[in-house]
Protein backbone atom coordinates (compact mmCIF):
# COMPACT_ATOMS: atom_id res chain seq x y z
CA MET A 1 66.45 92.60 204.60
CA ILE A 2 68.71 89.55 204.64
CA ARG A 3 71.89 90.01 206.65
CA LEU A 4 74.81 87.82 205.64
CA SER A 5 77.40 86.51 208.02
CA PRO A 6 80.98 87.79 207.60
CA LEU A 7 81.94 84.51 205.93
CA ASN A 8 79.10 84.70 203.42
CA GLN A 9 79.86 88.38 202.80
CA ARG A 10 83.42 87.41 201.87
CA ARG A 11 82.08 84.69 199.56
CA TRP A 12 79.73 87.16 197.87
CA ARG A 13 82.57 89.65 197.37
CA ASN A 14 84.71 86.91 195.84
CA PHE A 15 81.87 85.96 193.49
CA LYS A 16 81.31 89.57 192.39
CA ALA A 17 85.03 89.96 191.83
CA ASN A 18 84.76 87.28 189.14
CA ARG A 19 83.20 89.53 186.49
CA ARG A 20 82.54 86.70 184.06
CA ALA A 21 80.59 84.72 186.67
CA PHE A 22 78.71 87.78 187.94
CA TRP A 23 77.54 88.94 184.52
CA SER A 24 76.73 85.37 183.52
CA LEU A 25 74.49 85.18 186.59
CA CYS A 26 72.75 88.43 185.65
CA ILE A 27 72.15 87.32 182.06
CA PHE A 28 70.97 83.88 183.16
CA LEU A 29 68.54 85.32 185.71
CA VAL A 30 67.03 87.59 183.05
CA LEU A 31 66.62 84.70 180.59
CA PHE A 32 65.25 82.39 183.28
CA ALA A 33 62.80 85.07 184.48
CA ILE A 34 61.55 85.50 180.90
CA SER A 35 61.09 81.74 180.57
CA LEU A 36 59.22 81.57 183.89
CA MET A 37 56.79 84.11 182.44
CA ALA A 38 56.54 82.20 179.17
CA GLU A 39 52.73 82.25 179.20
CA VAL A 40 52.84 86.06 179.23
CA VAL A 41 55.65 86.32 176.68
CA ALA A 42 54.56 83.70 174.13
CA ASN A 43 50.94 82.59 173.96
CA ASP A 44 48.13 82.20 171.46
CA LYS A 45 45.69 83.68 174.01
CA PRO A 46 45.40 87.34 174.98
CA ILE A 47 46.88 88.37 178.32
CA VAL A 48 43.75 90.35 179.11
CA LEU A 49 40.66 91.29 177.14
CA SER A 50 37.62 93.48 177.68
CA TYR A 51 34.21 92.17 176.64
CA ARG A 52 31.17 94.33 177.30
CA GLY A 53 33.07 96.29 179.93
CA GLN A 54 34.28 93.24 181.87
CA LEU A 55 37.91 92.11 182.06
CA HIS A 56 38.86 88.52 181.27
CA PHE A 57 42.24 86.78 181.63
CA PRO A 58 42.36 83.93 179.10
CA ILE A 59 45.94 82.85 179.89
CA TYR A 60 44.84 81.94 183.42
CA ARG A 61 41.19 80.94 183.02
CA PHE A 62 39.06 78.85 180.66
CA TYR A 63 36.43 80.75 178.72
CA PRO A 64 34.11 78.94 176.29
CA GLU A 65 33.17 80.58 173.04
CA THR A 66 29.61 80.98 174.36
CA ALA A 67 30.96 83.46 176.95
CA PHE A 68 31.54 85.89 174.05
CA GLY A 69 28.31 85.21 172.16
CA GLY A 70 29.52 82.24 170.12
CA ASP A 71 27.90 78.86 169.54
CA PHE A 72 30.41 76.37 170.96
CA ARG A 73 31.05 75.39 174.58
CA THR A 74 34.68 74.53 173.83
CA GLU A 75 37.43 77.00 174.66
CA ALA A 76 37.44 80.06 172.46
CA VAL A 77 40.09 80.10 169.74
CA TYR A 78 41.15 83.72 170.11
CA ARG A 79 43.17 83.80 166.91
CA GLU A 80 40.08 83.09 164.81
CA PRO A 81 38.64 86.23 163.14
CA GLU A 82 35.10 85.30 164.24
CA VAL A 83 36.09 85.15 167.92
CA GLN A 84 38.04 88.40 167.71
CA CYS A 85 35.05 90.02 166.05
CA LEU A 86 32.71 88.80 168.80
CA ILE A 87 34.98 90.25 171.49
CA ILE A 88 35.57 93.58 169.79
CA SER A 89 31.95 94.11 168.70
CA GLY A 90 30.37 92.89 171.92
CA GLY A 91 28.90 89.68 170.47
CA LEU A 92 27.19 90.82 167.25
CA GLU A 93 25.75 87.97 165.18
CA SER A 94 27.02 89.65 161.99
CA CYS A 95 30.52 88.49 162.97
CA PHE A 96 29.74 85.08 161.47
CA ASP A 97 28.98 86.62 158.05
CA ASP A 98 31.87 89.05 157.48
CA PRO A 99 34.11 89.29 160.61
CA GLU A 100 36.80 91.42 158.95
CA ALA A 101 34.32 94.09 157.93
CA VAL A 102 32.69 94.16 161.36
CA ILE A 103 36.11 94.46 163.06
CA GLU A 104 37.03 97.35 160.78
CA ASP A 105 33.75 99.14 161.52
CA ALA A 106 34.00 98.39 165.26
CA GLN A 107 37.24 100.35 165.51
CA ASP A 108 35.11 103.52 165.42
CA GLY A 109 32.66 102.16 168.00
CA VAL A 110 29.79 102.04 165.49
CA VAL A 111 28.49 99.07 163.45
CA ASP A 112 25.65 99.48 160.92
CA GLY A 113 25.01 102.94 162.31
CA GLN A 114 24.50 101.65 165.84
CA PRO A 115 26.93 102.48 168.68
CA ILE A 116 28.51 99.46 170.37
CA GLN A 117 30.51 98.90 173.54
CA LYS A 118 33.87 98.30 171.92
CA GLY A 119 36.03 95.51 173.32
CA TRP A 120 39.78 95.14 173.15
CA MET A 121 42.56 92.54 173.59
CA ILE A 122 46.19 92.79 174.74
CA TRP A 123 48.32 90.09 173.14
CA PRO A 124 51.73 88.76 174.30
CA PRO A 125 54.80 89.98 172.36
CA ILE A 126 54.90 86.57 170.65
CA PRO A 127 51.29 85.63 169.80
CA TYR A 128 52.06 81.92 169.56
CA SER A 129 52.43 79.17 172.14
CA TYR A 130 54.82 76.23 171.83
CA ASP A 131 52.06 74.01 170.37
CA THR A 132 50.32 76.55 168.13
CA ILE A 133 49.94 75.32 164.56
CA ASN A 134 50.35 78.24 162.15
CA ASN A 135 49.00 78.38 158.63
CA VAL A 136 52.17 79.64 156.95
CA GLY A 137 52.11 77.57 153.80
CA THR A 138 55.28 75.51 153.57
CA ALA A 139 56.78 74.01 156.71
CA PRO A 140 59.38 74.58 157.98
CA SER A 141 59.26 78.25 157.00
CA PRO A 142 62.20 80.67 157.30
CA PRO A 143 62.34 83.55 159.81
CA ASP A 144 60.14 86.51 159.02
CA ARG A 145 58.39 89.42 160.74
CA ASP A 146 55.80 87.16 162.38
CA HIS A 147 58.10 84.24 163.26
CA TRP A 148 61.46 85.64 164.32
CA LEU A 149 63.24 82.28 164.23
CA GLY A 150 60.97 80.63 161.66
CA THR A 151 58.75 77.59 162.16
CA ASP A 152 59.51 73.89 162.48
CA ASP A 153 58.30 71.03 160.29
CA THR A 154 54.84 71.11 161.89
CA SER A 155 54.44 74.91 161.52
CA ARG A 156 55.09 75.70 165.21
CA ASP A 157 56.91 78.89 166.15
CA VAL A 158 60.56 78.07 166.96
CA LEU A 159 61.15 81.01 169.32
CA ALA A 160 58.09 80.10 171.41
CA ARG A 161 59.26 76.49 171.67
CA ILE A 162 62.75 77.65 172.70
CA ILE A 163 61.34 79.83 175.51
CA TYR A 164 59.20 77.02 176.90
CA GLY A 165 61.91 74.39 176.29
CA PHE A 166 64.52 76.53 178.05
CA ARG A 167 62.32 76.70 181.15
CA LEU A 168 61.63 72.98 181.10
CA SER A 169 65.31 72.09 180.67
CA ILE A 170 66.47 74.36 183.50
CA LEU A 171 63.76 73.18 185.91
CA PHE A 172 64.55 69.56 185.05
CA ALA A 173 68.27 70.12 185.65
CA LEU A 174 67.71 71.99 188.94
CA ILE A 175 65.37 69.32 190.33
CA VAL A 176 67.62 66.42 189.31
CA THR A 177 70.80 68.15 190.53
CA SER A 178 69.32 69.22 193.87
CA VAL A 179 67.85 65.84 194.82
CA SER A 180 70.69 63.70 193.47
CA SER A 181 73.27 65.96 195.16
CA LEU A 182 71.56 65.67 198.54
CA ILE A 183 71.48 61.89 198.25
CA GLY A 184 75.05 61.68 196.96
CA ILE A 185 76.47 64.02 199.62
CA ALA A 186 74.69 62.13 202.41
CA ALA A 187 75.87 58.75 201.09
CA GLY A 188 79.47 59.93 200.60
CA ALA A 189 79.54 61.53 204.05
CA VAL A 190 78.38 58.32 205.73
CA GLN A 191 80.90 56.26 203.79
CA GLY A 192 83.88 58.47 204.47
CA TYR A 193 83.11 59.27 208.10
CA PHE A 194 82.39 55.78 209.39
CA GLY A 195 84.63 53.78 207.01
CA GLY A 196 85.11 50.08 207.70
CA TRP A 197 82.32 47.72 206.69
CA VAL A 198 79.98 50.65 205.98
CA ASP A 199 82.41 51.98 203.39
CA LEU A 200 83.02 48.55 201.87
CA SER A 201 79.31 47.77 201.62
CA PHE A 202 78.55 51.08 199.92
CA GLN A 203 81.45 50.62 197.50
CA ARG A 204 80.19 47.21 196.39
CA LEU A 205 76.70 48.69 195.93
CA LEU A 206 78.10 51.54 193.84
CA GLU A 207 80.06 49.12 191.67
CA ILE A 208 76.91 47.16 190.90
CA TRP A 209 74.83 50.28 190.38
CA GLY A 210 77.46 51.86 188.12
CA TYR A 211 77.27 48.99 185.65
CA THR A 212 73.47 49.08 185.40
CA PRO A 213 72.52 50.19 181.85
CA GLY A 214 70.47 53.29 182.53
CA LEU A 215 69.26 53.74 178.94
CA TYR A 216 67.79 50.25 178.85
CA VAL A 217 66.01 50.87 182.16
CA ILE A 218 64.50 54.07 180.76
CA ILE A 219 63.34 52.29 177.60
CA ILE A 220 61.73 49.48 179.63
CA LEU A 221 60.00 51.85 182.07
CA PHE A 222 58.71 54.10 179.29
CA ALA A 223 57.42 51.06 177.38
CA ILE A 224 55.47 49.94 180.47
CA LEU A 225 54.42 53.25 182.05
CA GLY A 226 54.59 55.67 179.13
CA ARG A 227 56.68 58.81 178.80
CA SER A 228 56.29 61.38 181.55
CA PHE A 229 58.28 64.33 182.90
CA TRP A 230 58.28 63.13 186.52
CA LEU A 231 59.16 59.57 185.56
CA LEU A 232 62.16 60.93 183.66
CA VAL A 233 63.14 63.01 186.71
CA PHE A 234 62.89 59.93 188.94
CA VAL A 235 65.03 57.78 186.64
CA SER A 236 67.62 60.56 186.24
CA ILE A 237 67.93 60.89 190.02
CA LEU A 238 68.09 57.12 190.37
CA PHE A 239 71.19 56.95 188.18
CA GLY A 240 72.62 60.41 188.95
CA TRP A 241 73.12 60.39 192.72
CA PRO A 242 76.46 58.44 192.69
CA ALA A 243 78.18 61.35 190.88
CA LEU A 244 79.15 63.16 194.11
CA VAL A 245 79.67 60.12 196.33
CA GLY A 246 83.33 59.59 195.45
CA VAL A 247 84.33 63.23 195.93
CA VAL A 248 82.55 63.63 199.28
CA ARG A 249 83.79 60.23 200.50
CA ALA A 250 87.41 61.18 199.78
CA GLU A 251 87.08 64.48 201.66
CA PHE A 252 85.51 62.80 204.70
CA LEU A 253 88.13 60.03 204.72
CA ARG A 254 90.82 62.69 204.73
CA ALA A 255 89.24 64.90 207.40
CA ARG A 256 87.81 62.38 209.85
CA ASN A 257 91.11 62.03 211.73
CA PHE A 258 91.94 65.75 211.88
CA GLU A 259 92.62 67.20 215.31
CA TYR A 260 89.45 69.30 215.46
CA VAL A 261 87.33 66.25 214.62
CA ARG A 262 88.99 64.14 217.30
CA ALA A 263 88.57 66.99 219.78
CA ALA A 264 84.88 67.27 218.95
CA ARG A 265 84.42 63.55 219.51
CA ALA A 266 86.18 63.79 222.84
CA LEU A 267 83.82 66.58 223.88
CA GLY A 268 80.82 64.38 223.09
CA VAL A 269 79.63 66.15 219.94
CA SER A 270 77.28 63.92 217.95
CA ASP A 271 78.43 62.31 214.71
CA ARG A 272 75.73 64.13 212.73
CA VAL A 273 76.91 67.54 213.93
CA ILE A 274 80.56 66.71 213.23
CA MET A 275 79.75 65.42 209.75
CA PHE A 276 77.51 68.19 208.48
CA ARG A 277 78.59 71.22 210.51
CA HIS A 278 82.36 70.75 210.78
CA ILE A 279 83.57 68.44 207.99
CA LEU A 280 81.12 69.09 205.17
CA PRO A 281 81.91 72.86 204.82
CA ASN A 282 85.54 71.91 204.19
CA ALA A 283 84.42 69.51 201.48
CA MET A 284 82.24 72.09 199.71
CA VAL A 285 84.93 73.26 197.29
CA ALA A 286 85.43 69.78 195.86
CA THR A 287 81.67 69.25 195.83
CA LEU A 288 80.93 72.51 194.03
CA THR A 289 83.59 71.69 191.47
CA MET A 290 81.44 68.79 190.31
CA LEU A 291 78.11 70.66 190.23
CA PRO A 292 78.62 72.29 186.79
CA PHE A 293 79.17 68.85 185.29
CA ILE A 294 76.04 67.48 186.99
CA VAL A 295 73.84 70.38 185.84
CA THR A 296 75.09 70.41 182.27
CA GLY A 297 75.03 66.62 182.23
CA ALA A 298 71.36 66.61 183.24
CA ILE A 299 70.50 69.08 180.47
CA GLY A 300 72.57 67.10 177.96
CA SER A 301 70.95 63.81 179.02
CA LEU A 302 67.48 65.27 178.61
CA ALA A 303 68.35 66.60 175.15
CA ALA A 304 69.94 63.28 174.13
CA LEU A 305 66.91 61.28 175.27
CA ASP A 306 64.58 63.65 173.42
CA TYR A 307 66.78 63.35 170.35
CA LEU A 308 66.52 59.54 170.51
CA GLY A 309 62.78 59.59 171.17
CA TYR A 310 62.93 58.40 174.79
CA GLY A 311 62.64 61.73 176.56
CA LEU A 312 59.74 64.04 177.26
CA PRO A 313 56.22 63.36 175.97
CA SER A 314 55.63 64.63 172.46
CA ASN A 315 53.16 67.27 173.68
CA LEU A 316 55.87 69.09 175.69
CA PRO A 317 58.40 71.57 174.22
CA SER A 318 61.82 69.98 173.84
CA LEU A 319 65.16 71.41 172.79
CA GLY A 320 66.40 67.92 171.95
CA GLU A 321 63.47 67.43 169.58
CA LEU A 322 64.36 70.75 167.94
CA SER A 323 67.89 69.42 167.39
CA LEU A 324 66.43 66.31 165.77
CA GLN A 325 64.36 68.51 163.45
CA GLY A 326 67.52 70.41 162.53
CA LYS A 327 69.17 67.14 161.47
CA SER A 328 66.10 65.94 159.59
CA ASN A 329 65.59 69.25 157.77
CA LEU A 330 68.98 70.29 156.47
CA GLN A 331 67.23 72.61 153.99
CA ALA A 332 66.08 74.64 157.03
CA PRO A 333 69.36 75.70 158.71
CA TRP A 334 67.56 78.03 161.14
CA LEU A 335 66.38 74.97 163.09
CA GLY A 336 69.88 73.62 163.69
CA PHE A 337 71.35 77.06 164.40
CA SER A 338 68.57 77.88 166.88
CA ALA A 339 69.13 74.64 168.81
CA PHE A 340 72.93 75.02 168.77
CA PHE A 341 73.04 78.61 170.02
CA THR A 342 70.40 77.90 172.67
CA PHE A 343 72.45 75.04 174.12
CA ALA A 344 75.73 76.93 173.75
CA ILE A 345 74.49 80.04 175.57
CA MET A 346 72.62 78.12 178.28
CA LEU A 347 75.45 75.71 179.13
CA SER A 348 78.17 78.39 178.95
CA LEU A 349 76.31 80.65 181.37
CA LEU A 350 75.77 77.79 183.83
CA VAL A 351 79.43 76.73 183.71
CA PHE A 352 80.66 80.30 184.28
CA ILE A 353 78.26 80.77 187.21
CA PHE A 354 79.32 77.58 188.95
CA GLU A 355 82.99 78.39 188.39
CA GLY A 356 82.41 81.64 190.28
CA VAL A 357 80.53 79.81 193.06
CA ARG A 358 83.37 77.32 193.39
CA ASP A 359 85.97 80.08 193.69
CA ALA A 360 83.79 81.96 196.18
CA PHE A 361 83.71 78.96 198.51
CA ASP A 362 87.43 78.31 198.19
CA PRO A 363 89.11 79.64 201.39
CA ARG A 364 92.33 80.22 199.44
CA LYS A 365 90.63 82.80 197.24
CA THR A 366 90.57 86.31 198.65
CA PHE A 367 88.79 89.44 197.50
CA ALA A 368 90.99 91.80 195.58
């Protein structure tokens, strides 16, 4: 069991006292947990299946069609009637002639008067992955019993793409925010604490870096290296770390001549300890105030780049690409509405959570 210090207990009480932030955190954690289990929630492969008395887990392992009595060494397409018939009937060759009839007979455990070892499959609640192409006739198709939010213009299930895209957007934002914040806080702390030529040198560097056209750099790098998730993360960090430098620098410039800092110096405390143990906690409120803008900005940047065609690779689920489809298919309003409400709910929850975190770290806020 984790035991919190009295200070952190007070911060947790302050956070819980903010009901909007607390319930936003609960809702966000539920949604994020569902997205982390996306392969179990939305997949075109069974979670578990039984073939001839043995359990198989297709969502985690590769099984060729030959493993179930088929002819091909490629991965089994579990949504095909022939493959389902092979699994349920135990690999009968008659599955290639009339799979529907064999499946119907196999439900009773007998085919052509002969008992069989009946197999079974447990499917995810949404039997489609983000890249599953569905034969639904026209595309995009409106919401129905099989596709709760309809399909996009390539017949892919919209809800499945939202679940996977939500996870990808949040992970992207968390990685970019965490790394860029560490760099920005360290740079701002060094600037503000030491001042002088160190501060001036960093300021000139930031001025040059701030006028670098980030979008052009992304276009050039993607043209040379190709689109990739980690390359996009690297470029976003490269241009995102200055966001916190100014705030942290101002707090350190203000606090470096306080009495407790001068006393610590006189006692021989190292600069690193003074900076990150004594001054930085007092600068956390201003720092946390900026975090909601960094997180939402990272998500918005990813969506904007995907919308423009310079974001994630085309084989990955993208909420920005869903927004582009909504603009390109005005006759299918479910695409635009799905993208809008996904962004609205996700960004609102994150902003409310970080507002509560900011108030919890503010020493002027007390638990009521």
